Protein backbone atom coordinates (compact mmCIF):
# COMPACT_ATOMS: atom_id res chain seq x y z
CA UNK A 1 4.67 -25.76 -38.73
CA UNK A 2 4.75 -21.84 -38.25
CA UNK A 3 5.93 -20.65 -35.15
CA UNK A 4 3.06 -18.66 -33.88
CA UNK A 5 0.69 -21.73 -34.43
CA UNK A 6 3.45 -23.66 -32.75
CA UNK A 7 3.67 -21.38 -29.82
CA UNK A 8 -0.22 -21.18 -29.41
CA UNK A 9 -0.25 -25.05 -29.51
CA UNK A 10 2.16 -25.36 -26.83
CA UNK A 11 0.30 -22.57 -24.56
CA UNK A 12 -3.20 -24.52 -25.12
CA UNK A 13 -1.45 -27.85 -24.03
CA UNK A 14 0.01 -26.08 -20.68
CA UNK A 15 -3.25 -24.45 -20.28
CA UNK A 16 -4.98 -28.17 -20.44
CA UNK A 17 -2.60 -29.67 -18.30
CA UNK A 18 -2.35 -27.41 -15.72
CA UNK A 19 -6.15 -26.32 -15.84
CA UNK A 20 -5.45 -22.73 -16.00
CA UNK A 21 -6.28 -19.55 -18.59
CA UNK A 22 -4.12 -19.64 -21.65
CA UNK A 23 -3.13 -16.30 -20.21
CA UNK A 24 -1.23 -18.02 -17.32
CA UNK A 25 -0.34 -20.46 -19.65
CA UNK A 26 1.68 -18.29 -21.75
CA UNK A 27 3.63 -17.38 -18.46
CA UNK A 28 4.32 -20.63 -17.59
CA UNK A 29 5.81 -21.30 -21.52
CA UNK A 30 7.77 -17.94 -21.25
CA UNK A 31 9.21 -18.83 -17.66
CA UNK A 32 9.99 -22.44 -19.36
CA UNK A 33 11.46 -21.11 -22.41
CA UNK A 34 12.91 -18.00 -21.76
CA UNK A 35 14.28 -18.29 -18.19
CA UNK A 36 14.66 -22.28 -18.50
CA UNK A 37 12.61 -22.95 -15.06
CA UNK A 38 10.99 -26.28 -14.88
CA UNK A 39 7.29 -26.48 -14.62
CA UNK A 40 7.14 -26.47 -10.87
CA UNK A 41 9.50 -23.81 -10.61
CA UNK A 42 7.62 -21.83 -12.94
CA UNK A 43 4.47 -22.32 -11.17
CA UNK A 44 6.08 -21.34 -8.00
CA UNK A 45 6.84 -17.79 -9.22
CA UNK A 46 3.94 -17.29 -10.71
CA UNK A 47 1.86 -14.00 -9.49
CA UNK A 48 -0.65 -13.75 -11.95
CA UNK A 49 -4.11 -12.78 -10.56
CA UNK A 50 -6.61 -10.07 -10.37
CA UNK A 51 -5.10 -6.79 -8.93
CA UNK A 52 -1.60 -8.04 -9.28
CA UNK A 53 -0.20 -4.60 -10.14
CA UNK A 54 1.31 -5.93 -13.52
CA UNK A 55 3.44 -8.49 -11.95
CA UNK A 56 2.68 -11.79 -13.48
CA UNK A 57 5.59 -13.69 -12.14
CA UNK A 58 8.82 -12.67 -9.75
CA UNK A 59 11.91 -14.45 -9.84
CA UNK A 60 14.64 -14.21 -6.99
CA UNK A 61 18.12 -14.42 -7.94
CA UNK A 62 21.16 -13.97 -5.78
CA UNK A 63 21.88 -10.30 -6.72
CA UNK A 64 18.64 -9.35 -8.65
CA UNK A 65 15.00 -9.87 -8.75
CA UNK A 66 13.13 -10.33 -12.28
CA UNK A 67 9.42 -9.22 -12.51
CA UNK A 68 7.56 -10.40 -15.47
CA UNK A 69 4.80 -9.07 -17.06
CA UNK A 70 2.97 -10.31 -20.37
CA UNK A 71 0.49 -9.82 -22.56
CA UNK A 72 -1.12 -12.61 -24.93
CA UNK A 73 -3.41 -11.28 -27.58
CA UNK A 74 -5.30 -13.42 -30.05
CA UNK A 75 -4.21 -11.39 -32.92
CA UNK A 76 -0.66 -11.83 -33.04
CA UNK A 77 -0.52 -8.45 -34.93
CA UNK A 78 -1.97 -6.23 -31.88
CA UNK A 79 0.51 -3.91 -30.12
CA UNK A 80 1.14 -3.06 -26.68
CA UNK A 81 0.78 0.50 -25.94
CA UNK A 82 3.24 3.05 -24.58
CA UNK A 83 0.39 3.25 -21.23
CA UNK A 84 0.90 -0.11 -20.45
CA UNK A 85 4.85 -0.33 -20.37
CA UNK A 86 4.40 3.05 -18.31
CA UNK A 87 1.65 1.36 -15.83
CA UNK A 88 4.29 -1.79 -15.30
CA UNK A 89 6.72 0.36 -14.33
CA UNK A 90 4.82 1.47 -11.55
CA UNK A 91 4.87 -2.27 -10.02
CA UNK A 92 8.28 -1.09 -8.39
CA UNK A 93 6.51 1.42 -6.16
CA UNK A 94 4.00 -0.97 -5.08
CA UNK A 95 6.55 -3.96 -4.26
CA UNK A 96 8.10 -1.28 -2.20
CA UNK A 97 5.33 -1.33 0.26
CA UNK A 98 4.11 -4.66 1.52
CA UNK A 99 1.86 -3.20 3.85
CA UNK A 100 -0.40 -2.10 1.04
CA UNK A 101 -0.10 -5.31 -1.06
CA UNK A 102 -1.05 -7.16 2.22
CA UNK A 103 -4.40 -5.41 1.76
CA UNK A 104 -4.93 -7.04 -1.61
CA UNK A 105 -5.07 -10.28 -0.24
CA UNK A 106 -2.69 -11.89 -2.88
CA UNK A 107 -0.11 -13.95 -0.74
CA UNK A 108 2.02 -14.85 -3.28
CA UNK A 109 2.39 -10.92 -4.15
CA UNK A 110 3.05 -10.00 -0.67
CA UNK A 111 5.66 -12.50 -0.19
CA UNK A 112 7.32 -11.43 -3.53
CA UNK A 113 7.03 -7.86 -2.25
CA UNK A 114 8.60 -8.90 1.30
CA UNK A 115 11.84 -10.58 -0.82
CA UNK A 116 11.76 -7.50 -3.04
CA UNK A 117 11.86 -4.77 -0.06
CA UNK A 118 15.06 -7.08 1.41
CA UNK A 119 16.66 -7.19 -1.70
CA UNK A 120 16.30 -3.78 -3.16
CA UNK A 121 17.95 -2.65 0.64
CA UNK A 122 20.68 -4.73 0.01
CA UNK A 123 21.63 -3.09 -3.36
CA UNK A 124 20.00 -6.26 -5.45
CA UNK A 125 19.56 -5.09 -9.21
CA UNK A 126 15.94 -5.13 -10.57
CA UNK A 127 14.83 -6.28 -14.10
CA UNK A 128 11.64 -5.61 -15.59
CA UNK A 129 10.77 -7.50 -18.40
CA UNK A 130 7.62 -7.59 -20.61
CA UNK A 131 6.81 -10.48 -22.91
CA UNK A 132 3.95 -9.93 -25.58
CA UNK A 133 2.26 -12.31 -27.73
CA UNK A 134 1.95 -9.73 -30.44
CA UNK A 135 3.90 -6.24 -31.26
CA UNK A 136 5.27 -3.50 -29.13
CA UNK A 137 3.93 0.03 -30.50
CA UNK A 138 6.73 2.37 -31.30
CA UNK A 139 5.29 4.71 -28.10
CA UNK A 140 6.20 1.57 -25.73
CA UNK A 141 9.53 1.01 -27.37
CA UNK A 142 10.28 4.99 -26.65
CA UNK A 143 8.76 4.51 -23.37
CA UNK A 144 11.10 1.54 -22.41
CA UNK A 145 14.28 3.46 -24.21
CA UNK A 146 13.37 6.72 -22.17
CA UNK A 147 13.13 4.54 -18.84
CA UNK A 148 16.33 2.80 -19.54
CA UNK A 149 18.54 5.62 -19.89
CA UNK A 150 17.15 7.58 -17.09
CA UNK A 151 19.74 8.74 -14.52
CA UNK A 152 17.54 7.63 -11.69
CA UNK A 153 16.87 4.08 -12.85
CA UNK A 154 20.82 3.08 -12.40
CA UNK A 155 19.38 -0.11 -10.69
CA UNK A 156 16.49 -0.85 -12.82
CA UNK A 157 16.44 -2.13 -16.38
């Protein structure tokens, strides 16, 4: 079986089992496969919703936080553009302002922002992970490289 088809079927299965959209099932699939979280843990760290400021999942670790964004394309040849990566990086500014996130009425995202501020103030590192069921454009890859090589981003990758 072709890998793309297999992953699509696994995402569809999660969607059906959890009664959630395929886009959220894709995030759970990532959390289970890449981060080896259990289904319950994956659901617990899921923050995906409308107005989520490009934060689909927030994982707290002892000395870091991981912020996950994903894009599920029906066509696996479709590309994430440079603008999407640039917007995703802005989630850090939002997470540093829990009072602003509280106005969005997204309790899980608000809790994540409170944890983020605590971790940030204690010197924790931040990992931004963007997954696509598709491809990344050359502009998106360049945006990532420039961001990762920035002197001002010594705690953020």
